[in-house]
Amino acid sequence: MVFEMKVHWRTAAALVLAGSVVVGCDRPVEPAAPPPPEPAAPSAAPSPTLDRAAILAAVDAAASDTAAGVARAGPEPLVGRTFSLRVAFGCFGPQTAPSGEPATRDGTPRWAASADGRTIRLTLSPVDWTDGDVSGPAPEGFETLSGVWINQPWMRSEACPAWSVREAEAPAVPLPARVAALVMGRPTGASRVGRSGDQTFTHVVRAEGEEPVARPAQGYRLVLEGRFVGWADERVIRCRVISPERPPACAVGAAVDRIAFEDGATGAVLSEWRPG
């Protein structure tokens, strides 16, 4: 009797062990947790505001298309984009307008010192292009058009050049014609209050103490900020071929919200206007 109980106990134990093995084999294997996803690489989104280099790159592309007789299809990507354009001027000394009047409306920023050396006057008078500009006849829909030349459009830097050319070393060749400008338009019927193209912008740097006013070490900078606007054909940049031996002349449509003069060496704002 005792022997039978031992047999039954061993049999039961074997059955329990076998059952546990079977259960273990039937249990589904859970898959390993997937690794966390790799963080997505940040996309190189375009800068929301175009600077001098980006503006001139767009002008170069438009000039190339015009020279080749190619018309780009699709919407104009520049319409409504904001910009901040800097134009260095007076890098090699004072400037006077061709007529001798510093406030001549020719769309070129200048500086000139007074006869006694006590003041330096900075001026900008946009040129009147209501009847047409370098890119052709005036487009429809604008009461006035005023322009500012983009000097040295082949140079992307916002600062004065690090070189200088003495007149004795300059070759006797004709100076290249200006081929790039920013054009500020006032639509027909728009308010005349505060429009940037209808006024002359002036700032006077005065001497401190008895010494003459210090000449700028790296000239000055004109700052133009605003947004691009399209012409009647919705294009922002209009170009015209004047000669096959010269680059096309281009005009960039803009609504200017801020105009400023900066010190070329420090970047300090000397004066600013918000005519828009």
Protein backbone atom coordinates (compact mmCIF):
# COMPACT_ATOMS: atom_id res chain seq x y z
CA MET A 1 0.00 0.00 0.00
CA VAL A 2 2.79 2.28 0.82
CA PHE A 3 4.51 1.32 -2.38
CA GLU A 4 1.41 2.22 -4.46
CA MET A 5 1.19 5.66 -2.86
CA LYS A 6 4.77 6.38 -3.77
CA VAL A 7 4.12 5.36 -7.32
CA HIS A 8 1.09 7.57 -7.53
CA TRP A 9 3.01 10.51 -6.09
CA ARG A 10 5.85 10.09 -8.58
CA THR A 11 3.41 9.71 -11.43
CA ALA A 12 1.57 12.89 -10.45
CA ALA A 13 4.82 14.81 -10.20
CA ALA A 14 5.86 13.65 -13.65
CA LEU A 15 2.51 14.68 -15.09
CA VAL A 16 2.76 18.13 -13.51
CA LEU A 17 6.27 18.60 -14.88
CA ALA A 18 5.23 17.45 -18.34
CA GLY A 19 2.25 19.79 -18.26
CA SER A 20 4.46 22.73 -17.40
CA VAL A 21 6.74 21.93 -20.32
CA VAL A 22 3.80 21.74 -22.72
CA VAL A 23 2.39 25.02 -21.47
CA GLY A 24 5.80 26.62 -21.86
CA CYS A 25 6.09 25.45 -25.46
CA ASP A 26 2.59 26.68 -26.40
CA ARG A 27 3.12 30.22 -24.98
CA PRO A 28 3.58 32.72 -27.86
CA VAL A 29 6.93 34.46 -27.99
CA GLU A 30 6.49 38.22 -27.58
CA PRO A 31 8.46 40.24 -30.16
CA ALA A 32 11.16 42.56 -28.90
CA ALA A 33 10.18 46.20 -28.57
CA PRO A 34 11.20 48.16 -31.68
CA PRO A 35 14.01 50.69 -31.20
CA PRO A 36 12.92 54.32 -30.87
CA PRO A 37 12.81 56.12 -34.22
CA GLU A 38 15.80 58.21 -35.18
CA PRO A 39 15.15 61.93 -34.87
CA ALA A 40 14.50 63.46 -38.27
CA ALA A 41 17.28 65.63 -39.59
CA PRO A 42 16.28 69.28 -39.58
CA SER A 43 15.40 70.50 -43.04
CA ALA A 44 17.31 73.43 -44.44
CA ALA A 45 14.39 75.86 -44.65
CA PRO A 46 15.05 79.04 -46.62
CA SER A 47 15.70 82.17 -44.63
CA PRO A 48 12.44 84.14 -44.26
CA THR A 49 14.25 87.42 -45.04
CA LEU A 50 16.47 87.79 -48.08
CA ASP A 51 19.77 89.62 -47.64
CA ARG A 52 21.99 91.29 -50.22
CA ALA A 53 23.55 88.04 -51.41
CA ALA A 54 20.18 86.34 -51.88
CA ILE A 55 18.69 89.36 -53.67
CA LEU A 56 21.61 89.61 -56.09
CA ALA A 57 21.49 85.85 -56.73
CA ALA A 58 17.85 86.26 -57.77
CA VAL A 59 18.78 89.23 -59.97
CA ASP A 60 21.55 87.18 -61.60
CA ALA A 61 19.10 84.36 -62.37
CA ALA A 62 16.56 86.76 -63.87
CA ALA A 63 19.26 88.51 -65.92
CA SER A 64 20.51 85.17 -67.22
CA ASP A 65 17.00 84.15 -68.29
CA THR A 66 16.47 87.49 -70.01
CA ALA A 67 19.80 87.31 -71.82
CA ALA A 68 18.95 83.80 -73.02
CA GLY A 69 15.38 84.74 -74.00
CA VAL A 70 13.91 82.27 -71.52
CA ALA A 71 10.67 82.92 -69.65
CA ARG A 72 10.22 81.06 -66.38
CA ALA A 73 6.87 79.39 -65.84
CA GLY A 74 4.94 79.07 -62.60
CA PRO A 75 4.20 81.48 -59.75
CA GLU A 76 6.74 84.08 -58.70
CA PRO A 77 8.33 82.83 -55.45
CA LEU A 78 9.57 86.27 -54.38
CA VAL A 79 6.20 88.03 -54.15
CA GLY A 80 5.55 88.97 -50.53
CA ARG A 81 8.97 87.84 -49.28
CA THR A 82 10.72 90.24 -46.91
CA PHE A 83 14.20 91.57 -47.55
CA SER A 84 16.98 93.53 -45.85
CA LEU A 85 19.36 95.10 -48.35
CA ARG A 86 22.58 96.86 -47.34
CA VAL A 87 24.48 99.14 -49.71
CA ALA A 88 27.96 100.24 -48.64
CA PHE A 89 28.91 103.72 -49.86
CA GLY A 90 31.64 106.30 -49.44
CA CYS A 91 34.18 103.53 -48.92
CA PHE A 92 37.09 105.47 -50.42
CA GLY A 93 36.21 108.99 -49.38
CA PRO A 94 33.55 111.68 -49.76
CA GLN A 95 31.34 111.82 -52.82
CA THR A 96 29.58 114.62 -54.61
CA ALA A 97 26.84 114.37 -57.18
CA PRO A 98 27.76 115.16 -60.79
CA SER A 99 26.03 118.52 -60.54
CA GLY A 100 27.80 119.38 -57.29
CA GLU A 101 24.57 119.18 -55.32
CA PRO A 102 24.64 116.32 -52.78
CA ALA A 103 20.84 116.06 -52.78
CA THR A 104 20.51 115.44 -56.53
CA ARG A 105 17.83 112.81 -57.13
CA ASP A 106 19.92 110.09 -58.73
CA GLY A 107 19.22 107.18 -56.36
CA THR A 108 22.79 107.03 -55.01
CA PRO A 109 23.69 107.39 -51.30
CA ARG A 110 26.57 109.78 -50.62
CA TRP A 111 28.48 111.52 -47.88
CA ALA A 112 30.39 114.80 -47.96
CA ALA A 113 32.24 116.83 -45.33
CA SER A 114 31.63 120.52 -44.72
CA ALA A 115 34.30 123.07 -45.65
CA ASP A 116 35.32 123.53 -42.02
CA GLY A 117 35.42 119.77 -41.39
CA ARG A 118 32.97 120.04 -38.51
CA THR A 119 30.15 118.00 -40.05
CA ILE A 120 29.58 115.12 -42.44
CA ARG A 121 26.28 114.99 -44.30
CA LEU A 122 24.82 111.69 -45.52
CA THR A 123 22.14 111.90 -48.20
CA LEU A 124 19.91 109.67 -50.30
CA SER A 125 17.48 111.00 -52.90
CA PRO A 126 15.68 108.24 -54.84
CA VAL A 127 15.62 108.79 -58.58
CA ASP A 128 12.25 109.48 -60.21
CA TRP A 129 11.42 106.63 -62.59
CA THR A 130 7.73 107.35 -63.04
CA ASP A 131 8.24 107.48 -66.80
CA GLY A 132 10.35 104.33 -66.92
CA ASP A 133 13.50 102.81 -65.46
CA VAL A 134 16.53 100.84 -66.59
CA SER A 135 14.37 97.78 -67.20
CA GLY A 136 12.02 99.50 -69.62
CA PRO A 137 8.85 101.64 -69.76
CA ALA A 138 6.94 102.20 -66.55
CA PRO A 139 4.52 99.37 -65.76
CA GLU A 140 0.82 100.09 -65.40
CA GLY A 141 -0.92 100.52 -62.07
CA PHE A 142 1.62 102.81 -60.36
CA GLU A 143 1.29 106.54 -59.79
CA THR A 144 4.99 107.03 -59.03
CA LEU A 145 8.12 104.90 -59.21
CA SER A 146 11.34 105.79 -57.38
CA GLY A 147 14.61 103.90 -57.51
CA VAL A 148 17.78 103.28 -55.53
CA TRP A 149 20.82 101.83 -57.28
CA ILE A 150 22.39 98.66 -55.92
CA ASN A 151 26.06 99.48 -56.27
CA GLN A 152 28.61 96.83 -57.26
CA PRO A 153 25.98 94.11 -57.88
CA TRP A 154 28.77 91.64 -58.59
CA MET A 155 29.82 91.86 -54.91
CA ARG A 156 27.82 89.94 -52.32
CA SER A 157 29.51 91.47 -49.27
CA GLU A 158 27.56 94.09 -47.32
CA ALA A 159 30.77 95.84 -46.24
CA CYS A 160 33.22 98.08 -48.03
CA PRO A 161 35.85 96.28 -50.12
CA ALA A 162 39.17 95.50 -48.44
CA TRP A 163 41.14 96.84 -51.42
CA SER A 164 41.62 100.21 -53.04
CA VAL A 165 42.63 101.33 -56.53
CA ARG A 166 44.61 104.49 -57.00
CA GLU A 167 43.63 106.58 -59.98
CA ALA A 168 47.14 106.35 -61.40
CA GLU A 169 46.83 102.56 -61.50
CA ALA A 170 43.30 102.42 -62.89
CA PRO A 171 43.15 101.26 -66.52
CA ALA A 172 41.76 103.70 -69.07
CA VAL A 173 38.56 101.78 -69.83
CA PRO A 174 34.93 102.94 -69.71
CA LEU A 175 33.19 102.41 -66.41
CA PRO A 176 30.44 99.77 -66.56
CA ALA A 177 26.88 101.04 -66.61
CA ARG A 178 24.69 100.40 -63.61
CA VAL A 179 22.55 97.34 -64.09
CA ALA A 180 20.66 96.69 -60.82
CA ALA A 181 18.22 98.83 -58.87
CA LEU A 182 15.51 98.58 -56.24
CA VAL A 183 12.32 100.32 -57.37
CA MET A 184 9.73 101.60 -54.90
CA GLY A 185 6.26 101.99 -56.36
CA ARG A 186 3.17 103.83 -55.17
CA PRO A 187 0.05 102.21 -56.64
CA THR A 188 -2.44 104.47 -58.34
CA GLY A 189 -4.82 105.95 -55.77
CA ALA A 190 -2.65 105.07 -52.76
CA SER A 191 -2.03 107.56 -49.98
CA ARG A 192 0.83 110.01 -50.44
CA VAL A 193 1.57 110.17 -46.72
CA GLY A 194 4.98 108.88 -45.75
CA ARG A 195 5.97 107.41 -49.11
CA SER A 196 9.71 106.70 -49.19
CA GLY A 197 10.30 107.55 -52.83
CA ASP A 198 9.15 111.16 -52.57
CA GLN A 199 11.68 112.57 -50.14
CA THR A 200 15.38 113.07 -49.51
CA PHE A 201 16.88 111.30 -46.51
CA THR A 202 19.61 113.20 -44.67
CA HIS A 203 21.73 112.62 -41.60
CA VAL A 204 24.41 114.92 -40.19
CA VAL A 205 27.39 113.62 -38.18
CA ARG A 206 28.73 116.42 -35.99
CA ALA A 207 32.14 116.85 -34.40
CA GLU A 208 32.57 116.63 -30.65
CA GLY A 209 34.74 119.23 -28.97
CA GLU A 210 37.13 121.32 -31.02
CA GLU A 211 38.45 118.54 -33.26
CA PRO A 212 37.17 118.00 -36.81
CA VAL A 213 34.63 115.23 -37.26
CA ALA A 214 36.25 111.83 -37.70
CA ARG A 215 36.16 110.45 -41.24
CA PRO A 216 34.51 107.02 -41.53
CA ALA A 217 37.03 104.19 -41.38
CA GLN A 218 34.90 101.89 -43.56
CA GLY A 219 32.37 104.22 -45.12
CA TYR A 220 28.69 104.03 -44.35
CA ARG A 221 25.84 101.67 -45.20
CA LEU A 222 22.38 102.36 -46.53
CA VAL A 223 19.76 99.88 -45.27
CA LEU A 224 16.53 99.22 -47.15
CA GLU A 225 13.99 96.83 -45.64
CA GLY A 226 10.53 95.79 -46.75
CA ARG A 227 8.85 93.21 -48.95
CA PHE A 228 8.93 92.35 -52.63
CA VAL A 229 5.97 93.28 -54.84
CA GLY A 230 5.15 92.08 -58.33
CA TRP A 231 4.61 94.16 -61.43
CA ALA A 232 1.54 93.80 -63.66
CA ASP A 233 2.81 90.40 -64.85
CA GLU A 234 3.37 89.29 -61.22
CA ARG A 235 7.13 89.18 -61.72
CA VAL A 236 9.25 90.89 -59.06
CA ILE A 237 12.41 91.35 -61.15
CA ARG A 238 12.17 92.96 -64.60
CA CYS A 239 15.22 92.88 -66.88
CA ARG A 240 16.01 94.30 -70.29
CA VAL A 241 18.81 93.55 -72.73
CA ILE A 242 20.51 96.81 -73.69
CA SER A 243 23.46 95.32 -75.56
CA PRO A 244 24.69 91.75 -76.15
CA GLU A 245 28.06 92.87 -74.77
CA ARG A 246 26.61 94.05 -71.47
CA PRO A 247 24.61 92.36 -68.74
CA PRO A 248 20.86 93.04 -68.79
CA ALA A 249 19.61 95.91 -66.66
CA CYS A 250 17.22 94.77 -63.92
CA ALA A 251 14.79 96.46 -61.56
CA VAL A 252 13.44 94.80 -58.40
CA GLY A 253 9.93 95.78 -57.30
CA ALA A 254 9.67 96.59 -53.60
CA ALA A 255 7.59 98.21 -50.88
CA VAL A 256 10.11 99.74 -48.45
CA ASP A 257 9.12 99.92 -44.80
CA ARG A 258 12.41 101.06 -43.28
CA ILE A 259 15.36 103.15 -44.48
CA ALA A 260 18.45 103.67 -42.33
CA PHE A 261 22.04 104.87 -42.35
CA GLU A 262 24.60 102.75 -40.50
CA ASP A 263 28.24 103.25 -39.57
CA GLY A 264 30.23 100.97 -41.84
CA ALA A 265 32.73 99.93 -39.17
CA THR A 266 30.48 99.30 -36.16
CA GLY A 267 27.05 98.76 -37.72
CA ALA A 268 25.58 101.36 -35.35
CA VAL A 269 22.34 102.91 -36.61
CA LEU A 270 22.81 106.65 -37.23
CA SER A 271 19.29 107.51 -38.42
CA GLU A 272 16.26 105.60 -39.59
CA TRP A 273 12.91 106.29 -41.16
CA ARG A 274 9.78 104.17 -41.42
CA PRO A 275 7.92 105.82 -44.27
CA GLY A 276 5.55 102.95 -45.05
